[in-house]
All heavy atoms as atom14 arrays in JSON, in Angstrom:
{
  "sequence": "VTATVNFRTGPGTGYTSRGLLTKGQGVYWACYKGNWGYLKPYYGA",
  "atom14_mask": [
    [1, 1, 1, 1, 1, 1, 1, 0, 0, 0, 0, 0, 0, 0],
    [1, 1, 1, 1, 1, 1, 1, 0, 0, 0, 0, 0, 0, 0],
    [1, 1, 1, 1, 1, 0, 0, 0, 0, 0, 0, 0, 0, 0],
    [1, 1, 1, 1, 1, 1, 1, 0, 0, 0, 0, 0, 0, 0],
    [1, 1, 1, 1, 1, 1, 1, 0, 0, 0, 0, 0, 0, 0],
    [1, 1, 1, 1, 1, 1, 1, 1, 0, 0, 0, 0, 0, 0],
    [1, 1, 1, 1, 1, 1, 1, 1, 1, 1, 1, 0, 0, 0],
    [1, 1, 1, 1, 1, 1, 1, 1, 1, 1, 1, 0, 0, 0],
    [1, 1, 1, 1, 1, 1, 1, 0, 0, 0, 0, 0, 0, 0],
    [1, 1, 1, 1, 0, 0, 0, 0, 0, 0, 0, 0, 0, 0],
    [1, 1, 1, 1, 1, 1, 1, 0, 0, 0, 0, 0, 0, 0],
    [1, 1, 1, 1, 0, 0, 0, 0, 0, 0, 0, 0, 0, 0],
    [1, 1, 1, 1, 1, 1, 1, 0, 0, 0, 0, 0, 0, 0],
    [1, 1, 1, 1, 0, 0, 0, 0, 0, 0, 0, 0, 0, 0],
    [1, 1, 1, 1, 1, 1, 1, 1, 1, 1, 1, 1, 0, 0],
    [1, 1, 1, 1, 1, 1, 1, 0, 0, 0, 0, 0, 0, 0],
    [1, 1, 1, 1, 1, 1, 0, 0, 0, 0, 0, 0, 0, 0],
    [1, 1, 1, 1, 1, 1, 1, 1, 1, 1, 1, 0, 0, 0],
    [1, 1, 1, 1, 0, 0, 0, 0, 0, 0, 0, 0, 0, 0],
    [1, 1, 1, 1, 1, 1, 1, 1, 0, 0, 0, 0, 0, 0],
    [1, 1, 1, 1, 1, 1, 1, 1, 0, 0, 0, 0, 0, 0],
    [1, 1, 1, 1, 1, 1, 1, 0, 0, 0, 0, 0, 0, 0],
    [1, 1, 1, 1, 1, 1, 1, 1, 1, 0, 0, 0, 0, 0],
    [1, 1, 1, 1, 0, 0, 0, 0, 0, 0, 0, 0, 0, 0],
    [1, 1, 1, 1, 1, 1, 1, 1, 1, 0, 0, 0, 0, 0],
    [1, 1, 1, 1, 0, 0, 0, 0, 0, 0, 0, 0, 0, 0],
    [1, 1, 1, 1, 1, 1, 1, 0, 0, 0, 0, 0, 0, 0],
    [1, 1, 1, 1, 1, 1, 1, 1, 1, 1, 1, 1, 0, 0],
    [1, 1, 1, 1, 1, 1, 1, 1, 1, 1, 1, 1, 1, 1],
    [1, 1, 1, 1, 1, 0, 0, 0, 0, 0, 0, 0, 0, 0],
    [1, 1, 1, 1, 1, 1, 0, 0, 0, 0, 0, 0, 0, 0],
    [1, 1, 1, 1, 1, 1, 1, 1, 1, 1, 1, 1, 0, 0],
    [1, 1, 1, 1, 1, 1, 1, 1, 1, 0, 0, 0, 0, 0],
    [1, 1, 1, 1, 0, 0, 0, 0, 0, 0, 0, 0, 0, 0],
    [1, 1, 1, 1, 1, 1, 1, 1, 0, 0, 0, 0, 0, 0],
    [1, 1, 1, 1, 1, 1, 1, 1, 1, 1, 1, 1, 1, 1],
    [1, 1, 1, 1, 0, 0, 0, 0, 0, 0, 0, 0, 0, 0],
    [1, 1, 1, 1, 1, 1, 1, 1, 1, 1, 1, 1, 0, 0],
    [1, 1, 1, 1, 1, 1, 1, 1, 0, 0, 0, 0, 0, 0],
    [1, 1, 1, 1, 1, 1, 1, 1, 1, 0, 0, 0, 0, 0],
    [1, 1, 1, 1, 1, 1, 1, 0, 0, 0, 0, 0, 0, 0],
    [1, 1, 1, 1, 1, 1, 1, 1, 1, 1, 1, 1, 0, 0],
    [1, 1, 1, 1, 1, 1, 1, 1, 1, 1, 1, 1, 0, 0],
    [1, 1, 1, 1, 0, 0, 0, 0, 0, 0, 0, 0, 0, 0],
    [1, 1, 1, 1, 1, 0, 0, 0, 0, 0, 0, 0, 0, 0]
  ],
  "atom14_positions": [
    [[95.78, 92.7, 102.52], [95.0, 91.91, 101.59], [95.19, 90.44, 101.93], [96.22, 90.02, 102.42], [95.4, 92.19, 100.11], [95.01, 93.6, 99.73], [96.87, 91.96, 99.84], [0.0, 0.0, 0.0], [0.0, 0.0, 0.0], [0.0, 0.0, 0.0], [0.0, 0.0, 0.0], [0.0, 0.0, 0.0], [0.0, 0.0, 0.0], [0.0, 0.0, 0.0]],
    [[94.15, 89.62, 101.69], [94.15, 88.23, 102.14], [94.57, 87.26, 101.07], [94.63, 86.05, 101.31], [92.74, 87.83, 102.62], [91.82, 87.99, 101.53], [92.31, 88.7, 103.8], [0.0, 0.0, 0.0], [0.0, 0.0, 0.0], [0.0, 0.0, 0.0], [0.0, 0.0, 0.0], [0.0, 0.0, 0.0], [0.0, 0.0, 0.0], [0.0, 0.0, 0.0]],
    [[94.87, 87.75, 99.87], [95.31, 86.88, 98.76], [96.12, 87.75, 97.79], [96.08, 88.98, 97.88], [94.13, 86.29, 98.02], [0.0, 0.0, 0.0], [0.0, 0.0, 0.0], [0.0, 0.0, 0.0], [0.0, 0.0, 0.0], [0.0, 0.0, 0.0], [0.0, 0.0, 0.0], [0.0, 0.0, 0.0], [0.0, 0.0, 0.0], [0.0, 0.0, 0.0]],
    [[96.87, 87.11, 96.89], [97.5, 87.86, 95.82], [96.42, 88.32, 94.88], [95.61, 87.5, 94.43], [98.55, 86.99, 95.1], [99.56, 86.63, 96.06], [99.18, 87.74, 93.96], [0.0, 0.0, 0.0], [0.0, 0.0, 0.0], [0.0, 0.0, 0.0], [0.0, 0.0, 0.0], [0.0, 0.0, 0.0], [0.0, 0.0, 0.0], [0.0, 0.0, 0.0]],
    [[96.32, 89.62, 94.65], [95.14, 90.18, 93.99], [95.53, 91.32, 93.06], [96.54, 92.0, 93.27], [94.11, 90.64, 95.08], [94.67, 91.76, 95.9], [92.8, 91.01, 94.49], [0.0, 0.0, 0.0], [0.0, 0.0, 0.0], [0.0, 0.0, 0.0], [0.0, 0.0, 0.0], [0.0, 0.0, 0.0], [0.0, 0.0, 0.0], [0.0, 0.0, 0.0]],
    [[94.72, 91.54, 92.02], [94.92, 92.66, 91.11], [94.7, 93.97, 91.8], [93.75, 94.14, 92.57], [93.98, 92.56, 89.89], [94.44, 91.55, 88.89], [95.55, 91.64, 88.39], [93.6, 90.58, 88.6], [0.0, 0.0, 0.0], [0.0, 0.0, 0.0], [0.0, 0.0, 0.0], [0.0, 0.0, 0.0], [0.0, 0.0, 0.0], [0.0, 0.0, 0.0]],
    [[95.57, 94.92, 91.5], [95.51, 96.29, 92.02], [95.09, 97.16, 90.84], [95.85, 97.36, 89.91], [96.91, 96.68, 92.53], [97.0, 98.01, 93.23], [96.19, 98.33, 94.29], [97.95, 98.92, 92.82], [96.32, 99.55, 94.94], [98.09, 100.14, 93.45], [97.26, 100.44, 94.52], [0.0, 0.0, 0.0], [0.0, 0.0, 0.0], [0.0, 0.0, 0.0]],
    [[93.84, 97.6, 90.81], [93.23, 98.2, 89.63], [93.11, 99.73, 89.68], [93.13, 100.33, 90.72], [91.86, 97.59, 89.39], [91.94, 96.09, 89.12], [90.61, 95.52, 88.71], [90.7, 94.08, 88.43], [91.12, 93.6, 87.25], [91.42, 94.39, 86.27], [91.17, 92.29, 87.1], [0.0, 0.0, 0.0], [0.0, 0.0, 0.0], [0.0, 0.0, 0.0]],
    [[92.94, 100.31, 88.48], [92.78, 101.74, 88.32], [91.38, 102.23, 88.65], [91.16, 103.43, 88.78], [93.14, 102.21, 86.89], [92.28, 101.52, 85.97], [94.59, 101.9, 86.57], [0.0, 0.0, 0.0], [0.0, 0.0, 0.0], [0.0, 0.0, 0.0], [0.0, 0.0, 0.0], [0.0, 0.0, 0.0], [0.0, 0.0, 0.0], [0.0, 0.0, 0.0]],
    [[90.42, 101.34, 88.8], [89.04, 101.71, 89.11], [88.32, 100.56, 89.75], [88.81, 99.44, 89.81], [0.0, 0.0, 0.0], [0.0, 0.0, 0.0], [0.0, 0.0, 0.0], [0.0, 0.0, 0.0], [0.0, 0.0, 0.0], [0.0, 0.0, 0.0], [0.0, 0.0, 0.0], [0.0, 0.0, 0.0], [0.0, 0.0, 0.0], [0.0, 0.0, 0.0]],
    [[87.1, 100.84, 90.23], [86.33, 99.84, 90.99], [85.57, 98.86, 90.13], [84.37, 98.93, 89.96], [85.37, 100.69, 91.81], [85.13, 101.89, 90.94], [86.45, 102.12, 90.24], [0.0, 0.0, 0.0], [0.0, 0.0, 0.0], [0.0, 0.0, 0.0], [0.0, 0.0, 0.0], [0.0, 0.0, 0.0], [0.0, 0.0, 0.0], [0.0, 0.0, 0.0]],
    [[86.29, 97.89, 89.54], [85.66, 96.87, 88.71], [86.68, 96.14, 87.88], [87.78, 96.64, 87.62], [0.0, 0.0, 0.0], [0.0, 0.0, 0.0], [0.0, 0.0, 0.0], [0.0, 0.0, 0.0], [0.0, 0.0, 0.0], [0.0, 0.0, 0.0], [0.0, 0.0, 0.0], [0.0, 0.0, 0.0], [0.0, 0.0, 0.0], [0.0, 0.0, 0.0]],
    [[86.31, 94.94, 87.41], [87.23, 94.13, 86.6], [87.44, 94.73, 85.21], [88.37, 94.34, 84.5], [86.73, 92.69, 86.45], [85.42, 92.71, 85.88], [86.73, 91.98, 87.81], [0.0, 0.0, 0.0], [0.0, 0.0, 0.0], [0.0, 0.0, 0.0], [0.0, 0.0, 0.0], [0.0, 0.0, 0.0], [0.0, 0.0, 0.0], [0.0, 0.0, 0.0]],
    [[86.62, 95.69, 84.8], [86.79, 96.34, 83.51], [87.9, 97.38, 83.5], [88.27, 97.89, 82.48], [0.0, 0.0, 0.0], [0.0, 0.0, 0.0], [0.0, 0.0, 0.0], [0.0, 0.0, 0.0], [0.0, 0.0, 0.0], [0.0, 0.0, 0.0], [0.0, 0.0, 0.0], [0.0, 0.0, 0.0], [0.0, 0.0, 0.0], [0.0, 0.0, 0.0]],
    [[88.44, 97.69, 84.68], [89.54, 98.65, 84.79], [90.89, 97.94, 84.68], [91.01, 96.78, 85.03], [89.45, 99.41, 86.13], [88.27, 100.37, 86.17], [87.04, 99.93, 86.67], [88.4, 101.66, 85.72], [85.96, 100.8, 86.69], [87.31, 102.52, 85.77], [86.1, 102.08, 86.25], [85.03, 102.93, 86.29], [0.0, 0.0, 0.0], [0.0, 0.0, 0.0]],
    [[91.86, 98.66, 84.24], [93.2, 98.13, 84.05], [93.86, 97.72, 85.39], [93.74, 98.44, 86.35], [94.1, 99.18, 83.39], [93.48, 99.6, 82.15], [95.49, 98.65, 83.09], [0.0, 0.0, 0.0], [0.0, 0.0, 0.0], [0.0, 0.0, 0.0], [0.0, 0.0, 0.0], [0.0, 0.0, 0.0], [0.0, 0.0, 0.0], [0.0, 0.0, 0.0]],
    [[94.55, 96.58, 85.37], [95.33, 96.16, 86.53], [96.69, 96.85, 86.46], [97.35, 96.86, 85.43], [95.51, 94.64, 86.52], [96.38, 94.28, 87.59], [0.0, 0.0, 0.0], [0.0, 0.0, 0.0], [0.0, 0.0, 0.0], [0.0, 0.0, 0.0], [0.0, 0.0, 0.0], [0.0, 0.0, 0.0], [0.0, 0.0, 0.0], [0.0, 0.0, 0.0]],
    [[97.09, 97.43, 87.6], [98.41, 98.04, 87.67], [99.47, 97.01, 88.02], [100.65, 97.29, 88.05], [98.42, 99.1, 88.79], [97.51, 100.25, 88.5], [97.59, 101.25, 89.62], [96.96, 102.47, 89.15], [96.75, 103.53, 89.89], [97.21, 103.54, 91.15], [96.17, 104.58, 89.42], [0.0, 0.0, 0.0], [0.0, 0.0, 0.0], [0.0, 0.0, 0.0]],
    [[99.01, 95.83, 88.36], [99.9, 94.75, 88.82], [99.23, 94.03, 89.97], [98.02, 94.15, 90.16], [0.0, 0.0, 0.0], [0.0, 0.0, 0.0], [0.0, 0.0, 0.0], [0.0, 0.0, 0.0], [0.0, 0.0, 0.0], [0.0, 0.0, 0.0], [0.0, 0.0, 0.0], [0.0, 0.0, 0.0], [0.0, 0.0, 0.0], [0.0, 0.0, 0.0]],
    [[100.03, 93.31, 90.73], [99.49, 92.51, 91.83], [99.96, 93.01, 93.19], [101.07, 93.49, 93.31], [99.92, 91.07, 91.65], [99.45, 90.34, 90.4], [100.08, 88.94, 90.32], [97.94, 90.24, 90.37], [0.0, 0.0, 0.0], [0.0, 0.0, 0.0], [0.0, 0.0, 0.0], [0.0, 0.0, 0.0], [0.0, 0.0, 0.0], [0.0, 0.0, 0.0]],
    [[99.09, 92.88, 94.16], [99.48, 93.03, 95.56], [99.57, 91.59, 96.09], [98.76, 90.74, 95.77], [98.43, 93.79, 96.37], [98.14, 95.22, 95.9], [97.12, 95.86, 96.83], [99.43, 96.06, 95.87], [0.0, 0.0, 0.0], [0.0, 0.0, 0.0], [0.0, 0.0, 0.0], [0.0, 0.0, 0.0], [0.0, 0.0, 0.0], [0.0, 0.0, 0.0]],
    [[100.6, 91.3, 96.9], [100.79, 89.95, 97.39], [100.01, 89.7, 98.68], [99.73, 90.62, 99.45], [102.28, 89.66, 97.63], [102.79, 90.62, 98.54], [103.06, 89.75, 96.34], [0.0, 0.0, 0.0], [0.0, 0.0, 0.0], [0.0, 0.0, 0.0], [0.0, 0.0, 0.0], [0.0, 0.0, 0.0], [0.0, 0.0, 0.0], [0.0, 0.0, 0.0]],
    [[99.66, 88.44, 98.87], [98.93, 88.04, 100.08], [99.65, 88.55, 101.32], [100.88, 88.42, 101.44], [98.84, 86.52, 100.13], [98.09, 86.02, 101.34], [97.97, 84.5, 101.33], [97.23, 84.04, 102.55], [97.06, 82.58, 102.54], [0.0, 0.0, 0.0], [0.0, 0.0, 0.0], [0.0, 0.0, 0.0], [0.0, 0.0, 0.0], [0.0, 0.0, 0.0]],
    [[98.92, 89.18, 102.21], [99.48, 89.71, 103.46], [100.02, 91.1, 103.37], [100.44, 91.68, 104.38], [0.0, 0.0, 0.0], [0.0, 0.0, 0.0], [0.0, 0.0, 0.0], [0.0, 0.0, 0.0], [0.0, 0.0, 0.0], [0.0, 0.0, 0.0], [0.0, 0.0, 0.0], [0.0, 0.0, 0.0], [0.0, 0.0, 0.0], [0.0, 0.0, 0.0]],
    [[100.01, 91.71, 102.18], [100.55, 93.07, 101.98], [99.76, 94.06, 102.84], [98.55, 94.09, 102.84], [100.44, 93.47, 100.52], [100.81, 94.92, 100.3], [101.82, 95.1, 99.21], [102.06, 94.2, 98.43], [102.42, 96.24, 99.17], [0.0, 0.0, 0.0], [0.0, 0.0, 0.0], [0.0, 0.0, 0.0], [0.0, 0.0, 0.0], [0.0, 0.0, 0.0]],
    [[100.49, 94.91, 103.59], [99.86, 95.94, 104.41], [99.37, 97.08, 103.56], [100.08, 97.52, 102.65], [0.0, 0.0, 0.0], [0.0, 0.0, 0.0], [0.0, 0.0, 0.0], [0.0, 0.0, 0.0], [0.0, 0.0, 0.0], [0.0, 0.0, 0.0], [0.0, 0.0, 0.0], [0.0, 0.0, 0.0], [0.0, 0.0, 0.0], [0.0, 0.0, 0.0]],
    [[98.14, 97.54, 103.83], [97.52, 98.64, 103.07], [96.74, 99.56, 104.01], [96.34, 99.17, 105.09], [96.59, 98.09, 101.99], [97.33, 97.27, 100.95], [95.45, 97.28, 102.58], [0.0, 0.0, 0.0], [0.0, 0.0, 0.0], [0.0, 0.0, 0.0], [0.0, 0.0, 0.0], [0.0, 0.0, 0.0], [0.0, 0.0, 0.0], [0.0, 0.0, 0.0]],
    [[96.55, 100.79, 103.52], [95.63, 101.71, 104.17], [94.36, 101.71, 103.32], [94.41, 102.06, 102.13], [96.21, 103.12, 104.24], [95.21, 104.15, 104.77], [94.88, 104.14, 106.12], [94.6, 105.05, 103.92], [93.94, 105.03, 106.62], [93.66, 105.94, 104.42], [93.33, 105.94, 105.76], [92.41, 106.8, 106.26], [0.0, 0.0, 0.0], [0.0, 0.0, 0.0]],
    [[93.25, 101.28, 103.88], [91.97, 101.2, 103.18], [91.18, 102.44, 103.52], [90.72, 102.65, 104.63], [91.23, 99.94, 103.64], [89.93, 99.68, 102.96], [89.44, 100.22, 101.83], [88.97, 98.72, 103.4], [88.22, 99.68, 101.53], [87.9, 98.74, 102.47], [88.88, 97.86, 104.47], [86.76, 97.95, 102.6], [87.75, 97.06, 104.61], [86.71, 97.09, 103.66]],
    [[91.02, 103.32, 102.53], [90.39, 104.65, 102.77], [88.86, 104.59, 102.67], [88.18, 105.18, 103.51], [90.92, 105.65, 101.78], [0.0, 0.0, 0.0], [0.0, 0.0, 0.0], [0.0, 0.0, 0.0], [0.0, 0.0, 0.0], [0.0, 0.0, 0.0], [0.0, 0.0, 0.0], [0.0, 0.0, 0.0], [0.0, 0.0, 0.0], [0.0, 0.0, 0.0]],
    [[88.34, 103.88, 101.65], [86.92, 103.92, 101.42], [86.54, 102.82, 100.46], [87.4, 102.09, 99.97], [86.51, 105.28, 100.86], [87.36, 105.77, 99.35], [0.0, 0.0, 0.0], [0.0, 0.0, 0.0], [0.0, 0.0, 0.0], [0.0, 0.0, 0.0], [0.0, 0.0, 0.0], [0.0, 0.0, 0.0], [0.0, 0.0, 0.0], [0.0, 0.0, 0.0]],
    [[85.26, 102.73, 100.12], [84.84, 101.74, 99.13], [83.63, 102.21, 98.32], [82.92, 103.14, 98.71], [84.57, 100.38, 99.79], [83.39, 100.31, 100.74], [82.11, 99.98, 100.27], [83.54, 100.56, 102.09], [81.04, 99.88, 101.15], [82.49, 100.47, 102.96], [81.25, 100.11, 102.5], [80.19, 100.04, 103.34], [0.0, 0.0, 0.0], [0.0, 0.0, 0.0]],
    [[83.43, 101.51, 97.24], [82.28, 101.71, 96.37], [81.83, 100.32, 95.96], [82.58, 99.56, 95.33], [82.62, 102.51, 95.15], [81.44, 102.69, 94.19], [81.79, 103.52, 92.97], [80.56, 103.7, 92.12], [80.82, 104.58, 91.0], [0.0, 0.0, 0.0], [0.0, 0.0, 0.0], [0.0, 0.0, 0.0], [0.0, 0.0, 0.0], [0.0, 0.0, 0.0]],
    [[80.59, 99.95, 96.35], [80.12, 98.59, 96.04], [81.03, 97.57, 96.66], [81.34, 97.65, 97.84], [0.0, 0.0, 0.0], [0.0, 0.0, 0.0], [0.0, 0.0, 0.0], [0.0, 0.0, 0.0], [0.0, 0.0, 0.0], [0.0, 0.0, 0.0], [0.0, 0.0, 0.0], [0.0, 0.0, 0.0], [0.0, 0.0, 0.0], [0.0, 0.0, 0.0]],
    [[81.5, 96.63, 95.86], [82.36, 95.56, 96.35], [83.85, 95.88, 96.11], [84.65, 94.98, 96.07], [81.98, 94.24, 95.69], [82.6, 93.07, 96.44], [82.68, 93.08, 97.67], [83.07, 92.08, 95.7], [0.0, 0.0, 0.0], [0.0, 0.0, 0.0], [0.0, 0.0, 0.0], [0.0, 0.0, 0.0], [0.0, 0.0, 0.0], [0.0, 0.0, 0.0]],
    [[84.2, 97.15, 95.98], [85.58, 97.52, 95.68], [86.12, 98.52, 96.69], [85.48, 99.51, 97.0], [85.65, 98.12, 94.27], [85.38, 97.08, 93.26], [84.13, 96.69, 92.8], [86.32, 96.21, 92.66], [84.28, 95.63, 91.94], [85.59, 95.32, 91.82], [87.69, 96.08, 92.72], [86.21, 94.31, 91.06], [88.33, 95.11, 91.97], [87.57, 94.24, 91.16]],
    [[87.32, 98.24, 97.2], [87.98, 99.08, 98.18], [89.05, 99.92, 97.54], [89.81, 99.42, 96.67], [0.0, 0.0, 0.0], [0.0, 0.0, 0.0], [0.0, 0.0, 0.0], [0.0, 0.0, 0.0], [0.0, 0.0, 0.0], [0.0, 0.0, 0.0], [0.0, 0.0, 0.0], [0.0, 0.0, 0.0], [0.0, 0.0, 0.0], [0.0, 0.0, 0.0]],
    [[89.15, 101.17, 97.95], [90.16, 102.1, 97.47], [91.27, 102.13, 98.54], [91.0, 102.49, 99.68], [89.53, 103.47, 97.3], [90.42, 104.52, 96.64], [90.89, 104.36, 95.35], [90.77, 105.68, 97.32], [91.68, 105.32, 94.74], [91.55, 106.64, 96.72], [92.0, 106.47, 95.45], [92.79, 107.43, 94.84], [0.0, 0.0, 0.0], [0.0, 0.0, 0.0]],
    [[92.5, 101.77, 98.16], [93.53, 101.63, 99.15], [94.92, 102.01, 98.64], [95.12, 102.2, 97.44], [93.56, 100.21, 99.71], [93.5, 99.03, 98.73], [94.88, 98.69, 98.23], [92.89, 97.84, 99.4], [0.0, 0.0, 0.0], [0.0, 0.0, 0.0], [0.0, 0.0, 0.0], [0.0, 0.0, 0.0], [0.0, 0.0, 0.0], [0.0, 0.0, 0.0]],
    [[95.84, 102.12, 99.59], [97.22, 102.5, 99.31], [98.15, 101.52, 100.02], [98.13, 101.44, 101.27], [97.46, 103.93, 99.77], [98.89, 104.4, 99.56], [99.07, 105.86, 99.9], [98.8, 106.16, 101.36], [99.17, 107.53, 101.76], [0.0, 0.0, 0.0], [0.0, 0.0, 0.0], [0.0, 0.0, 0.0], [0.0, 0.0, 0.0], [0.0, 0.0, 0.0]],
    [[98.97, 100.79, 99.28], [99.94, 99.85, 99.92], [101.04, 100.6, 100.67], [101.47, 101.68, 100.26], [100.55, 99.08, 98.74], [99.59, 99.32, 97.6], [98.94, 100.64, 97.84], [0.0, 0.0, 0.0], [0.0, 0.0, 0.0], [0.0, 0.0, 0.0], [0.0, 0.0, 0.0], [0.0, 0.0, 0.0], [0.0, 0.0, 0.0], [0.0, 0.0, 0.0]],
    [[101.5, 100.0, 101.77], [102.54, 100.58, 102.59], [103.96, 100.25, 102.06], [104.91, 100.88, 102.43], [102.44, 100.11, 104.03], [101.32, 100.76, 104.78], [100.3, 100.02, 105.33], [101.28, 102.15, 104.89], [99.27, 100.61, 106.03], [100.23, 102.77, 105.57], [99.23, 101.99, 106.14], [98.2, 102.58, 106.8], [0.0, 0.0, 0.0], [0.0, 0.0, 0.0]],
    [[104.08, 99.18, 101.25], [105.39, 98.76, 100.78], [105.24, 97.98, 99.47], [104.11, 97.76, 99.04], [106.15, 97.93, 101.81], [105.37, 96.75, 102.35], [105.33, 95.54, 101.66], [104.62, 96.84, 103.51], [104.59, 94.46, 102.13], [103.87, 95.78, 103.98], [103.87, 94.59, 103.3], [103.15, 93.51, 103.75], [0.0, 0.0, 0.0], [0.0, 0.0, 0.0]],
    [[106.32, 97.62, 98.86], [106.27, 96.86, 97.63], [106.3, 97.74, 96.41], [106.48, 98.96, 96.5], [0.0, 0.0, 0.0], [0.0, 0.0, 0.0], [0.0, 0.0, 0.0], [0.0, 0.0, 0.0], [0.0, 0.0, 0.0], [0.0, 0.0, 0.0], [0.0, 0.0, 0.0], [0.0, 0.0, 0.0], [0.0, 0.0, 0.0], [0.0, 0.0, 0.0]],
    [[106.05, 97.12, 95.25], [106.15, 97.83, 93.96], [105.15, 98.99, 93.85], [105.39, 99.95, 93.13], [105.91, 96.85, 92.81], [0.0, 0.0, 0.0], [0.0, 0.0, 0.0], [0.0, 0.0, 0.0], [0.0, 0.0, 0.0], [0.0, 0.0, 0.0], [0.0, 0.0, 0.0], [0.0, 0.0, 0.0], [0.0, 0.0, 0.0], [0.0, 0.0, 0.0]]
  ]
}
């Protein structure tokens, strides 16, 4: 991820944030819907 960003339960700002991913966090990006990517962080909380 390129910035500290909300990690959400669904594809949109109307979904609950689970917390933040920090800038530079490594992730596996599986797929997307519209402007939202579905991913899994490799480390961190």
